[in-house]
Amino acid sequence: MLKEIIQDAEHKMKKTVEVFERDLAGMRAGRAHPALLEKISVDYYGSQTPLQHLGTISAPEPRLLVVQPFDKGSVLSIEKAISKADIGVSVRVDGQLLRVSVPALTEERRKDLVKQLRRQLEDQRVAIRNIRRDAVDHLKGSQKDHEISEDEDRRGQTEVQKLTDRYIKVLEDIALSREQDIMTP
């Protein structure tokens, strides 16, 4: 019982870290990254379709993304969707390709992104703490129902706290690394 509670808490904490990493991948730093365009939906023959389903996105240069649509007829729809997304990039159609220029960030914009990053970090810290609280409540409930002993309850709470500390440290390391990326011109 104790082992399952701890494993469940660890699994949820891992998922929280994965979500945080995925969110940060889409955050624009000074360099072009394909994840910058992943959240864009394109009106493709009347239905909203994620951009990555309509073509390949690559970053051949630090300030350039290239979108190569699978369907040549979708070029204009993709161009319109990227322009409408208002992510601070410029789009140019080059035959069958779209070239997306990513301009350098201003110092003010970098600071705004760092603030946004810190807010997301705090949200994820809260999520980790909520997972800890749920696990501790589950342990206490199991101890109250005499499924585990008082010693196992204490040991479990210590283990859950160690997990919490470890995953919060992982989140902070990821955020620090990303913050350095953002602040580097």
C-alpha atoms as a PDB file:
ATOM      1  CA  MET A   1       0.000   0.000   0.000  1.00  0.00           C
ATOM      2  CA  LEU A   2       2.750   2.421   1.021  1.00  0.00           C
ATOM      3  CA  LYS A   3       4.773   1.641  -2.092  1.00  0.00           C
ATOM      4  CA  GLU A   4       1.803   2.272  -4.415  1.00  0.00           C
ATOM      5  CA  ILE A   5       1.064   5.667  -2.846  1.00  0.00           C
ATOM      6  CA  ILE A   6       4.682   6.780  -3.241  1.00  0.00           C
ATOM      7  CA  GLN A   7       4.921   5.435  -6.813  1.00  0.00           C
ATOM      8  CA  ASP A   8       1.697   7.201  -7.748  1.00  0.00           C
ATOM      9  CA  ALA A   9       2.965  10.493  -6.295  1.00  0.00           C
ATOM     10  CA  GLU A  10       6.281  10.128  -8.138  1.00  0.00           C
ATOM     11  CA  HIS A  11       4.499   9.359 -11.425  1.00  0.00           C
ATOM     12  CA  LYS A  12       2.340  12.478 -11.067  1.00  0.00           C
ATOM     13  CA  MET A  13       5.389  14.606 -10.226  1.00  0.00           C
ATOM     14  CA  LYS A  14       7.209  13.313 -13.327  1.00  0.00           C
ATOM     15  CA  LYS A  15       4.198  14.254 -15.439  1.00  0.00           C
ATOM     16  CA  THR A  16       4.217  17.744 -13.917  1.00  0.00           C
ATOM     17  CA  VAL A  17       7.878  18.175 -14.903  1.00  0.00           C
ATOM     18  CA  GLU A  18       7.113  16.941 -18.450  1.00  0.00           C
ATOM     19  CA  VAL A  19       4.275  19.441 -18.797  1.00  0.00           C
ATOM     20  CA  PHE A  20       6.563  22.241 -17.577  1.00  0.00           C
ATOM     21  CA  GLU A  21       9.269  21.297 -20.091  1.00  0.00           C
ATOM     22  CA  ARG A  22       6.719  21.159 -22.922  1.00  0.00           C
ATOM     23  CA  ASP A  23       5.323  24.576 -21.952  1.00  0.00           C
ATOM     24  CA  LEU A  24       8.801  26.095 -21.860  1.00  0.00           C
ATOM     25  CA  ALA A  25       9.716  24.617 -25.242  1.00  0.00           C
ATOM     26  CA  GLY A  26       6.986  26.747 -26.797  1.00  0.00           C
ATOM     27  CA  MET A  27       8.197  29.889 -25.044  1.00  0.00           C
ATOM     28  CA  ARG A  28      10.130  32.083 -27.418  1.00  0.00           C
ATOM     29  CA  ALA A  29      13.745  32.721 -26.543  1.00  0.00           C
ATOM     30  CA  GLY A  30      16.177  34.494 -28.845  1.00  0.00           C
ATOM     31  CA  ARG A  31      16.626  31.427 -31.041  1.00  0.00           C
ATOM     32  CA  ALA A  32      14.237  29.787 -33.432  1.00  0.00           C
ATOM     33  CA  HIS A  33      12.834  26.492 -32.176  1.00  0.00           C
ATOM     34  CA  PRO A  34      10.189  24.356 -33.936  1.00  0.00           C
ATOM     35  CA  ALA A  35       8.147  24.211 -30.706  1.00  0.00           C
ATOM     36  CA  LEU A  36       7.460  27.922 -31.200  1.00  0.00           C
ATOM     37  CA  LEU A  37       4.978  27.011 -33.957  1.00  0.00           C
ATOM     38  CA  GLU A  38       3.555  23.797 -32.487  1.00  0.00           C
ATOM     39  CA  LYS A  39       0.572  25.404 -30.747  1.00  0.00           C
ATOM     40  CA  ILE A  40      -0.623  27.122 -33.923  1.00  0.00           C
ATOM     41  CA  SER A  41      -3.850  25.799 -35.454  1.00  0.00           C
ATOM     42  CA  VAL A  42      -4.470  26.186 -39.166  1.00  0.00           C
ATOM     43  CA  ASP A  43      -7.887  26.391 -40.829  1.00  0.00           C
ATOM     44  CA  TYR A  44      -7.388  23.455 -43.189  1.00  0.00           C
ATOM     45  CA  TYR A  45     -10.410  22.773 -45.388  1.00  0.00           C
ATOM     46  CA  GLY A  46     -12.812  23.986 -42.713  1.00  0.00           C
ATOM     47  CA  SER A  47     -11.308  22.305 -39.656  1.00  0.00           C
ATOM     48  CA  GLN A  48      -8.715  23.529 -37.175  1.00  0.00           C
ATOM     49  CA  THR A  49      -5.603  21.373 -37.574  1.00  0.00           C
ATOM     50  CA  PRO A  50      -2.331  21.641 -35.617  1.00  0.00           C
ATOM     51  CA  LEU A  51       0.472  23.010 -37.795  1.00  0.00           C
ATOM     52  CA  GLN A  52       2.769  20.055 -37.139  1.00  0.00           C
ATOM     53  CA  HIS A  53       0.152  17.768 -38.773  1.00  0.00           C
ATOM     54  CA  LEU A  54       0.306  19.791 -41.976  1.00  0.00           C
ATOM     55  CA  GLY A  55       4.040  19.911 -42.565  1.00  0.00           C
ATOM     56  CA  THR A  56       7.543  19.575 -41.203  1.00  0.00           C
ATOM     57  CA  ILE A  57       9.029  22.372 -39.129  1.00  0.00           C
ATOM     58  CA  SER A  58      12.801  22.746 -38.989  1.00  0.00           C
ATOM     59  CA  ALA A  59      15.293  25.298 -37.698  1.00  0.00           C
ATOM     60  CA  PRO A  60      18.182  25.426 -40.200  1.00  0.00           C
ATOM     61  CA  GLU A  61      19.541  28.672 -38.708  1.00  0.00           C
ATOM     62  CA  PRO A  62      19.354  30.261 -35.233  1.00  0.00           C
ATOM     63  CA  ARG A  63      16.889  32.946 -36.392  1.00  0.00           C
ATOM     64  CA  LEU A  64      14.948  31.016 -39.053  1.00  0.00           C
ATOM     65  CA  LEU A  65      12.274  28.345 -39.078  1.00  0.00           C
ATOM     66  CA  VAL A  66      11.273  26.584 -42.274  1.00  0.00           C
ATOM     67  CA  VAL A  67       7.825  25.041 -42.685  1.00  0.00           C
ATOM     68  CA  GLN A  68       7.498  22.552 -45.519  1.00  0.00           C
ATOM     69  CA  PRO A  69       3.801  21.710 -46.004  1.00  0.00           C
ATOM     70  CA  PHE A  70       2.792  18.207 -47.071  1.00  0.00           C
ATOM     71  CA  ASP A  71      -0.019  19.702 -49.181  1.00  0.00           C
ATOM     72  CA  LYS A  72       1.010  22.523 -51.518  1.00  0.00           C
ATOM     73  CA  GLY A  73      -2.511  23.950 -51.326  1.00  0.00           C
ATOM     74  CA  SER A  74      -2.172  24.660 -47.617  1.00  0.00           C
ATOM     75  CA  VAL A  75       0.715  27.153 -47.936  1.00  0.00           C
ATOM     76  CA  LEU A  76      -1.485  30.262 -47.805  1.00  0.00           C
ATOM     77  CA  SER A  77      -3.595  28.900 -44.919  1.00  0.00           C
ATOM     78  CA  ILE A  78      -0.435  28.174 -42.922  1.00  0.00           C
ATOM     79  CA  GLU A  79       0.959  31.631 -43.672  1.00  0.00           C
ATOM     80  CA  LYS A  80      -2.272  33.237 -42.511  1.00  0.00           C
ATOM     81  CA  ALA A  81      -2.365  31.169 -39.291  1.00  0.00           C
ATOM     82  CA  ILE A  82       1.247  32.003 -38.369  1.00  0.00           C
ATOM     83  CA  SER A  83       0.683  35.702 -39.039  1.00  0.00           C
ATOM     84  CA  LYS A  84      -2.534  35.677 -37.029  1.00  0.00           C
ATOM     85  CA  ALA A  85      -0.872  33.879 -34.069  1.00  0.00           C
ATOM     86  CA  ASP A  86       0.917  37.132 -33.122  1.00  0.00           C
ATOM     87  CA  ILE A  87       4.088  35.503 -31.808  1.00  0.00           C
ATOM     88  CA  GLY A  88       6.386  38.244 -33.070  1.00  0.00           C
ATOM     89  CA  VAL A  89       7.707  36.542 -36.186  1.00  0.00           C
ATOM     90  CA  SER A  90       7.545  37.417 -39.865  1.00  0.00           C
ATOM     91  CA  VAL A  91       6.486  34.894 -42.502  1.00  0.00           C
ATOM     92  CA  ARG A  92       7.593  34.782 -46.124  1.00  0.00           C
ATOM     93  CA  VAL A  93       6.341  32.313 -48.719  1.00  0.00           C
ATOM     94  CA  ASP A  94       9.162  30.936 -50.821  1.00  0.00           C
ATOM     95  CA  GLY A  95       7.579  28.682 -53.455  1.00  0.00           C
ATOM     96  CA  GLN A  96       6.433  25.552 -51.592  1.00  0.00           C
ATOM     97  CA  LEU A  97       8.135  26.594 -48.327  1.00  0.00           C
ATOM     98  CA  LEU A  98       7.397  29.130 -45.637  1.00  0.00           C
ATOM     99  CA  ARG A  99      10.344  30.910 -44.083  1.00  0.00           C
ATOM    100  CA  VAL A 100       9.616  32.225 -40.599  1.00  0.00           C
ATOM    101  CA  SER A 101      12.103  34.837 -39.384  1.00  0.00           C
ATOM    102  CA  VAL A 102      12.530  35.088 -35.628  1.00  0.00           C
ATOM    103  CA  PRO A 103      13.844  38.559 -34.723  1.00  0.00           C
ATOM    104  CA  ALA A 104      16.133  39.139 -31.760  1.00  0.00           C
ATOM    105  CA  LEU A 105      14.353  39.896 -28.502  1.00  0.00           C
ATOM    106  CA  THR A 106      14.530  43.299 -26.874  1.00  0.00           C
ATOM    107  CA  GLU A 107      15.759  43.543 -23.284  1.00  0.00           C
ATOM    108  CA  GLU A 108      12.259  44.489 -22.116  1.00  0.00           C
ATOM    109  CA  ARG A 109      10.706  41.482 -23.870  1.00  0.00           C
ATOM    110  CA  ARG A 110      13.346  39.193 -22.322  1.00  0.00           C
ATOM    111  CA  LYS A 111      12.441  40.458 -18.848  1.00  0.00           C
ATOM    112  CA  ASP A 112       8.732  39.888 -19.564  1.00  0.00           C
ATOM    113  CA  LEU A 113       9.482  36.329 -20.667  1.00  0.00           C
ATOM    114  CA  VAL A 114      11.484  35.687 -17.496  1.00  0.00           C
ATOM    115  CA  LYS A 115       8.536  36.935 -15.400  1.00  0.00           C
ATOM    116  CA  GLN A 116       6.228  34.622 -17.339  1.00  0.00           C
ATOM    117  CA  LEU A 117       8.689  31.760 -16.803  1.00  0.00           C
ATOM    118  CA  ARG A 118       8.772  32.392 -13.052  1.00  0.00           C
ATOM    119  CA  ARG A 119       4.967  32.426 -12.892  1.00  0.00           C
ATOM    120  CA  GLN A 120       4.863  29.085 -14.678  1.00  0.00           C
ATOM    121  CA  LEU A 121       7.531  27.735 -12.324  1.00  0.00           C
ATOM    122  CA  GLU A 122       5.492  28.774  -9.293  1.00  0.00           C
ATOM    123  CA  ASP A 123       2.362  27.155 -10.780  1.00  0.00           C
ATOM    124  CA  GLN A 124       4.268  23.891 -11.215  1.00  0.00           C
ATOM    125  CA  ARG A 125       5.709  24.099  -7.685  1.00  0.00           C
ATOM    126  CA  VAL A 126       2.145  24.436  -6.393  1.00  0.00           C
ATOM    127  CA  ALA A 127       1.132  21.412  -8.484  1.00  0.00           C
ATOM    128  CA  ILE A 128       3.974  19.354  -6.954  1.00  0.00           C
ATOM    129  CA  ARG A 129       2.963  20.471  -3.447  1.00  0.00           C
ATOM    130  CA  ASN A 130      -0.652  19.518  -4.157  1.00  0.00           C
ATOM    131  CA  ILE A 131       0.517  16.050  -5.204  1.00  0.00           C
ATOM    132  CA  ARG A 132       2.451  15.836  -1.927  1.00  0.00           C
ATOM    133  CA  ARG A 133      -0.627  16.911   0.051  1.00  0.00           C
ATOM    134  CA  ASP A 134      -2.802  14.297  -1.686  1.00  0.00           C
ATOM    135  CA  ALA A 135      -0.233  11.561  -1.019  1.00  0.00           C
ATOM    136  CA  VAL A 136       0.096  12.544   2.654  1.00  0.00           C
ATOM    137  CA  ASP A 137      -3.713  12.620   3.016  1.00  0.00           C
ATOM    138  CA  HIS A 138      -3.867   9.181   1.435  1.00  0.00           C
ATOM    139  CA  LEU A 139      -1.197   7.904   3.846  1.00  0.00           C
ATOM    140  CA  LYS A 140      -3.037   9.340   6.848  1.00  0.00           C
ATOM    141  CA  GLY A 141      -6.295   7.812   5.645  1.00  0.00           C
ATOM    142  CA  SER A 142      -4.615   4.430   5.209  1.00  0.00           C
ATOM    143  CA  GLN A 143      -3.134   4.662   8.698  1.00  0.00           C
ATOM    144  CA  LYS A 144      -6.525   5.632  10.139  1.00  0.00           C
ATOM    145  CA  ASP A 145      -8.114   2.628   8.395  1.00  0.00           C
ATOM    146  CA  HIS A 146      -5.337   0.433   9.899  1.00  0.00           C
ATOM    147  CA  GLU A 147      -4.017  -0.526   6.435  1.00  0.00           C
ATOM    148  CA  ILE A 148      -0.543   0.730   7.370  1.00  0.00           C
ATOM    149  CA  SER A 149       1.147   1.284  10.721  1.00  0.00           C
ATOM    150  CA  GLU A 150       2.035   4.625  12.272  1.00  0.00           C
ATOM    151  CA  ASP A 151       5.709   4.012  11.496  1.00  0.00           C
ATOM    152  CA  GLU A 152       4.920   3.273   7.834  1.00  0.00           C
ATOM    153  CA  ASP A 153       2.846   6.452   7.707  1.00  0.00           C
ATOM    154  CA  ARG A 154       5.780   8.530   9.009  1.00  0.00           C
ATOM    155  CA  ARG A 155       8.229   6.754   6.719  1.00  0.00           C
ATOM    156  CA  GLY A 156       5.882   7.331   3.783  1.00  0.00           C
ATOM    157  CA  GLN A 157       5.510  11.023   4.591  1.00  0.00           C
ATOM    158  CA  THR A 158       9.298  11.381   4.770  1.00  0.00           C
ATOM    159  CA  GLU A 159       9.636   9.611   1.425  1.00  0.00           C
ATOM    160  CA  VAL A 160       6.970  11.824  -0.185  1.00  0.00           C
ATOM    161  CA  GLN A 161       8.723  14.940   1.157  1.00  0.00           C
ATOM    162  CA  LYS A 162      12.022  13.764  -0.350  1.00  0.00           C
ATOM    163  CA  LEU A 163      10.272  13.248  -3.691  1.00  0.00           C
ATOM    164  CA  THR A 164       8.731  16.700  -3.443  1.00  0.00           C
ATOM    165  CA  ASP A 165      12.082  18.332  -2.729  1.00  0.00           C
ATOM    166  CA  ARG A 166      13.743  16.431  -5.577  1.00  0.00           C
ATOM    167  CA  TYR A 167      11.121  17.334  -8.186  1.00  0.00           C
ATOM    168  CA  ILE A 168      10.945  20.979  -7.124  1.00  0.00           C
ATOM    169  CA  LYS A 169      14.736  21.100  -7.541  1.00  0.00           C
ATOM    170  CA  VAL A 170      14.369  19.583 -11.038  1.00  0.00           C
ATOM    171  CA  LEU A 171      11.788  22.262 -11.922  1.00  0.00           C
ATOM    172  CA  GLU A 172      14.051  25.025 -10.616  1.00  0.00           C
ATOM    173  CA  ASP A 173      17.046  23.686 -12.582  1.00  0.00           C
ATOM    174  CA  ILE A 174      14.997  23.584 -15.790  1.00  0.00           C
ATOM    175  CA  ALA A 175      13.725  27.123 -15.161  1.00  0.00           C
ATOM    176  CA  LEU A 176      17.210  28.445 -14.433  1.00  0.00           C
ATOM    177  CA  SER A 177      18.572  26.928 -17.625  1.00  0.00           C
ATOM    178  CA  ARG A 178      15.707  28.378 -19.667  1.00  0.00           C
ATOM    179  CA  GLU A 179      16.079  31.769 -17.997  1.00  0.00           C
ATOM    180  CA  GLN A 180      19.736  31.842 -19.019  1.00  0.00           C
ATOM    181  CA  ASP A 181      18.676  30.976 -22.599  1.00  0.00           C
ATOM    182  CA  ILE A 182      16.175  33.821 -22.620  1.00  0.00           C
ATOM    183  CA  MET A 183      18.544  36.417 -21.177  1.00  0.00           C
ATOM    184  CA  THR A 184      21.410  35.522 -23.550  1.00  0.00           C
ATOM    185  CA  PRO A 185      21.232  37.895 -26.533  1.00  0.00           C
END
